[in-house]
N, C-alpha and C. Protein backbone atom coordinates (compact mmCIF):
# COMPACT_ATOMS: atom_id res chain seq x y z
N MET A 1 18.66 21.60 21.35
CA MET A 1 17.22 22.21 20.98
C MET A 1 16.34 21.44 20.73
N PRO A 2 15.26 21.38 21.58
CA PRO A 2 14.17 20.50 21.15
C PRO A 2 12.93 20.94 19.95
N TYR A 3 12.69 20.19 19.13
CA TYR A 3 11.64 20.38 18.24
C TYR A 3 10.37 19.61 18.02
N ARG A 4 9.42 20.02 17.84
CA ARG A 4 8.37 18.90 17.51
C ARG A 4 8.38 18.58 16.41
N TYR A 5 8.50 17.18 16.38
CA TYR A 5 8.48 16.59 14.94
C TYR A 5 7.24 15.50 14.63
N GLY A 6 5.92 15.19 15.37
CA GLY A 6 5.09 14.61 14.85
C GLY A 6 3.91 15.02 16.12
N GLY A 7 3.05 14.15 16.22
CA GLY A 7 1.88 14.25 17.07
C GLY A 7 2.15 14.20 18.54
N GLU A 8 2.96 13.00 19.01
CA GLU A 8 3.67 12.90 20.19
C GLU A 8 5.18 12.72 20.31
N GLU A 9 6.01 13.22 19.15
CA GLU A 9 7.22 13.26 18.98
C GLU A 9 8.21 14.19 19.01
N PHE A 10 9.14 14.40 19.59
CA PHE A 10 10.05 15.68 19.37
C PHE A 10 11.21 15.18 19.63
N VAL A 11 11.94 15.95 18.62
CA VAL A 11 13.44 15.97 18.45
C VAL A 11 14.48 16.73 18.94
N ILE A 12 15.34 16.38 19.85
CA ILE A 12 16.18 17.13 20.51
C ILE A 12 17.33 16.75 19.87
N ILE A 13 18.03 18.10 19.44
CA ILE A 13 19.55 17.89 18.92
C ILE A 13 20.72 18.20 19.90
N LEU A 14 21.51 17.44 20.11
CA LEU A 14 22.71 17.61 20.95
C LEU A 14 23.86 17.84 20.23
N THR A 15 24.44 19.10 20.00
CA THR A 15 25.50 19.29 19.00
C THR A 15 26.81 18.69 19.82
N ASP A 16 27.91 18.32 19.23
CA ASP A 16 29.27 18.30 19.79
C ASP A 16 28.94 17.19 21.02
N THR A 17 28.13 16.26 20.83
CA THR A 17 27.96 15.49 22.07
C THR A 17 28.02 14.08 21.53
N PRO A 18 29.04 13.37 22.40
CA PRO A 18 29.01 11.95 22.22
C PRO A 18 28.08 10.95 22.58
N LEU A 19 27.86 10.11 21.76
CA LEU A 19 26.73 9.04 21.83
C LEU A 19 26.38 8.66 23.27
N ASP A 20 27.59 7.98 24.40
CA ASP A 20 27.20 7.88 25.45
C ASP A 20 26.45 9.09 26.18
N GLN A 21 27.11 10.09 26.15
CA GLN A 21 26.47 11.44 26.52
C GLN A 21 25.03 11.73 26.21
N ALA A 22 24.63 11.65 25.21
CA ALA A 22 23.24 11.67 24.75
C ALA A 22 22.39 10.91 25.19
N ILE A 23 23.00 9.20 25.59
CA ILE A 23 22.12 8.14 26.21
C ILE A 23 22.02 8.88 27.58
N GLU A 24 22.90 9.24 28.04
CA GLU A 24 22.95 9.75 29.71
C GLU A 24 21.82 10.78 29.96
N VAL A 25 21.71 11.84 29.06
CA VAL A 25 20.99 12.79 28.73
C VAL A 25 19.22 12.57 28.56
N SER A 26 19.38 11.43 27.76
CA SER A 26 18.07 10.99 27.40
C SER A 26 17.46 10.07 28.37
N GLU A 27 18.27 9.42 29.27
CA GLU A 27 17.74 8.62 30.63
C GLU A 27 17.15 9.98 31.78
N ARG A 28 18.26 10.69 31.66
CA ARG A 28 17.82 11.58 32.71
C ARG A 28 16.48 12.48 32.32
N LEU A 29 16.27 12.88 31.48
CA LEU A 29 15.02 13.00 30.94
C LEU A 29 13.90 12.20 31.07
N ARG A 30 14.06 10.99 30.52
CA ARG A 30 13.29 9.92 30.69
C ARG A 30 12.68 9.65 32.03
N ARG A 31 13.72 9.74 32.90
CA ARG A 31 13.40 9.52 34.71
C ARG A 31 12.66 10.63 35.20
N ALA A 32 13.30 11.70 34.88
CA ALA A 32 12.16 13.00 35.50
C ALA A 32 10.90 12.79 34.91
N MET A 33 10.75 12.73 33.75
CA MET A 33 9.40 12.64 33.24
C MET A 33 8.53 11.58 33.97
N ARG A 34 9.22 10.26 34.28
CA ARG A 34 8.34 9.20 34.90
C ARG A 34 8.05 9.66 36.42
N SER A 35 8.93 10.29 36.97
CA SER A 35 8.59 10.42 38.49
C SER A 35 8.02 11.82 38.66
N ALA A 36 7.45 12.48 37.67
CA ALA A 36 6.74 13.48 37.82
C ALA A 36 5.30 13.65 37.49
N PRO A 37 4.38 12.76 37.85
CA PRO A 37 2.78 12.85 37.48
C PRO A 37 2.09 13.96 37.16
N PHE A 38 1.24 13.65 35.98
CA PHE A 38 0.74 15.02 35.64
C PHE A 38 -0.80 14.77 36.30
N VAL A 39 -1.05 15.75 36.71
CA VAL A 39 -2.01 16.26 37.87
C VAL A 39 -3.37 16.66 37.00
N THR A 40 -4.45 15.86 36.89
CA THR A 40 -5.72 16.34 36.09
C THR A 40 -6.97 16.36 37.21
N LYS A 41 -7.62 17.01 36.75
CA LYS A 41 -8.90 16.94 37.81
C LYS A 41 -9.31 15.28 37.91
N ALA A 42 -9.27 14.47 36.98
CA ALA A 42 -9.54 13.24 36.84
C ALA A 42 -8.37 12.29 37.59
N GLY A 43 -7.55 12.94 38.37
CA GLY A 43 -6.14 12.54 38.92
C GLY A 43 -5.16 12.09 38.35
N ALA A 44 -3.78 11.98 38.97
CA ALA A 44 -2.92 11.96 38.13
C ALA A 44 -2.36 10.64 37.45
N LEU A 45 -1.74 11.21 36.33
CA LEU A 45 -1.36 10.61 35.27
C LEU A 45 0.28 10.25 34.98
N GLU A 46 0.34 8.62 34.79
CA GLU A 46 1.98 8.46 35.02
C GLU A 46 2.32 8.70 33.43
N ILE A 47 3.52 9.67 33.27
CA ILE A 47 3.89 9.91 31.80
C ILE A 47 5.25 8.78 31.82
N SER A 48 5.46 8.36 30.39
CA SER A 48 6.58 7.68 30.04
C SER A 48 6.90 8.38 29.05
N ALA A 49 7.98 8.14 28.46
CA ALA A 49 8.89 8.42 27.10
C ALA A 49 9.73 7.22 26.82
N SER A 50 9.68 7.29 25.48
CA SER A 50 10.65 6.70 24.92
C SER A 50 11.70 7.44 23.84
N PHE A 51 12.64 7.13 23.78
CA PHE A 51 13.42 7.87 23.37
C PHE A 51 14.62 6.97 22.18
N GLY A 52 14.75 7.53 20.63
CA GLY A 52 15.70 7.17 19.66
C GLY A 52 16.71 7.77 19.46
N ILE A 53 18.08 7.25 19.74
CA ILE A 53 19.07 8.24 19.47
C ILE A 53 19.90 7.54 18.59
N ALA A 54 20.48 8.62 17.67
CA ALA A 54 21.53 8.21 16.30
C ALA A 54 22.47 9.42 16.49
N GLN A 55 23.74 9.12 16.14
CA GLN A 55 24.57 10.15 16.14
C GLN A 55 25.11 10.27 14.45
N GLN A 56 25.52 10.94 14.08
CA GLN A 56 25.80 11.36 12.78
C GLN A 56 26.95 10.43 12.49
N ASP A 57 26.91 9.72 11.40
CA ASP A 57 27.91 8.97 11.12
C ASP A 57 28.25 9.41 9.34
N PRO A 58 29.40 9.98 9.28
CA PRO A 58 29.67 10.56 7.80
C PRO A 58 30.26 9.66 6.58
N SER A 59 30.29 8.49 7.04
CA SER A 59 30.12 7.28 6.40
C SER A 59 28.90 6.80 5.57
N CYS A 60 27.63 7.27 6.27
CA CYS A 60 26.40 6.81 5.77
C CYS A 60 25.59 7.83 5.92
N ASP A 61 25.64 9.11 6.47
CA ASP A 61 24.54 10.08 6.49
C ASP A 61 24.97 11.32 5.49
N HIS A 62 24.53 11.74 4.86
CA HIS A 62 24.98 12.72 3.65
C HIS A 62 23.74 13.74 4.08
N SER A 63 23.04 13.83 4.98
CA SER A 63 22.29 15.02 5.42
C SER A 63 21.81 14.91 6.72
N ALA A 64 21.22 15.96 7.47
CA ALA A 64 20.77 16.02 8.72
C ALA A 64 19.63 14.80 8.71
N TRP A 65 18.73 14.86 7.39
CA TRP A 65 17.59 14.11 7.34
C TRP A 65 17.88 12.73 7.42
N ASP A 66 18.96 12.08 6.90
CA ASP A 66 19.71 10.61 7.33
C ASP A 66 19.66 10.41 8.54
N VAL A 67 20.36 11.13 9.43
CA VAL A 67 20.67 11.19 10.85
C VAL A 67 19.10 10.90 11.51
N LEU A 68 17.95 11.87 11.19
CA LEU A 68 16.91 11.80 11.94
C LEU A 68 15.97 10.86 11.51
N GLN A 69 16.19 10.11 10.30
CA GLN A 69 15.51 8.74 9.89
C GLN A 69 15.97 7.53 10.72
N ARG A 70 17.24 8.11 11.01
CA ARG A 70 17.80 6.65 12.03
C ARG A 70 17.61 7.06 13.17
N ALA A 71 17.38 8.09 13.72
CA ALA A 71 17.06 8.23 15.03
C ALA A 71 15.50 8.14 15.17
N ASP A 72 14.54 7.95 13.97
CA ASP A 72 13.26 7.51 14.25
C ASP A 72 13.03 5.91 14.15
N LYS A 73 13.92 5.38 13.69
CA LYS A 73 14.03 3.86 13.55
C LYS A 73 14.34 3.18 15.02
N ALA A 74 15.57 3.85 15.87
CA ALA A 74 15.54 3.81 17.24
C ALA A 74 14.77 4.11 18.07
N LEU A 75 13.69 5.08 17.64
CA LEU A 75 12.80 5.47 18.49
C LEU A 75 11.42 4.01 18.50
N TYR A 76 11.39 3.66 17.26
CA TYR A 76 10.51 2.60 16.94
C TYR A 76 11.06 1.16 17.44
N GLU A 77 12.15 0.86 17.75
CA GLU A 77 12.56 0.02 18.12
C GLU A 77 12.67 -0.06 19.94
N ALA A 78 12.68 1.25 20.54
CA ALA A 78 12.64 1.35 21.99
C ALA A 78 11.10 1.29 22.34
N LYS A 79 10.06 1.48 21.20
CA LYS A 79 8.75 1.33 21.66
C LYS A 79 8.18 -0.42 21.44
N ARG A 80 9.29 -0.98 20.54
CA ARG A 80 8.74 -2.37 20.21
C ARG A 80 9.36 -3.09 21.50
N GLN A 81 10.33 -2.44 22.00
CA GLN A 81 11.15 -3.49 23.10
C GLN A 81 9.95 -3.51 24.56
N GLY A 82 9.30 -2.36 24.33
CA GLY A 82 8.29 -2.28 25.76
C GLY A 82 8.11 -0.79 26.00
N ARG A 83 8.37 0.12 25.51
CA ARG A 83 8.19 1.49 25.53
C ARG A 83 9.09 1.68 27.04
N ASP A 84 9.01 3.23 27.15
CA ASP A 84 9.47 3.73 28.37
C ASP A 84 11.10 3.20 28.67
N ARG A 85 11.71 3.69 27.23
CA ARG A 85 13.19 3.07 27.22
C ARG A 85 13.83 4.13 26.82
N VAL A 86 15.20 3.97 26.57
CA VAL A 86 16.17 4.55 25.55
C VAL A 86 16.68 3.65 25.17
N TYR A 87 16.80 3.58 23.76
CA TYR A 87 17.41 2.87 22.63
C TYR A 87 18.38 3.75 21.59
N ALA A 88 19.69 3.32 21.54
CA ALA A 88 20.63 4.23 20.89
C ALA A 88 20.85 3.17 19.45
N LEU A 89 20.67 3.67 18.50
CA LEU A 89 21.36 3.05 17.17
C LEU A 89 22.78 3.34 17.05
N LYS A 90 23.53 2.19 16.93
CA LYS A 90 24.83 2.40 16.71
C LYS A 90 25.01 2.80 15.07
N THR A 91 26.17 3.46 15.23
CA THR A 91 26.66 4.19 13.62
C THR A 91 26.72 2.58 12.51
N GLN A 92 26.48 3.04 11.54
CA GLN A 92 26.85 1.85 10.59
C GLN A 92 28.10 1.51 10.17
N GLY A 93 29.09 2.62 10.04
CA GLY A 93 30.31 2.32 9.77
C GLY A 93 31.12 1.76 10.36
């Protein structure tokens, strides 16, 4: 399920999905967005997207908010590394 989280940020919750599959889904979404320019009257705009991924870790996540905060950290790391990429934050434990 996708949810708007901030101005240009969205959260996609993939229940019962291993981390490697969540990375694959994110990569497919990133490539699809990149390959379909947004056409405007002023011309085509290329779209890029960065994804931050975190998987629930019972040893350190006490709520859904904890997981969301870790995914947000992963997103900022993806942006720090140059944007238009997927970055998965490994579990703490």
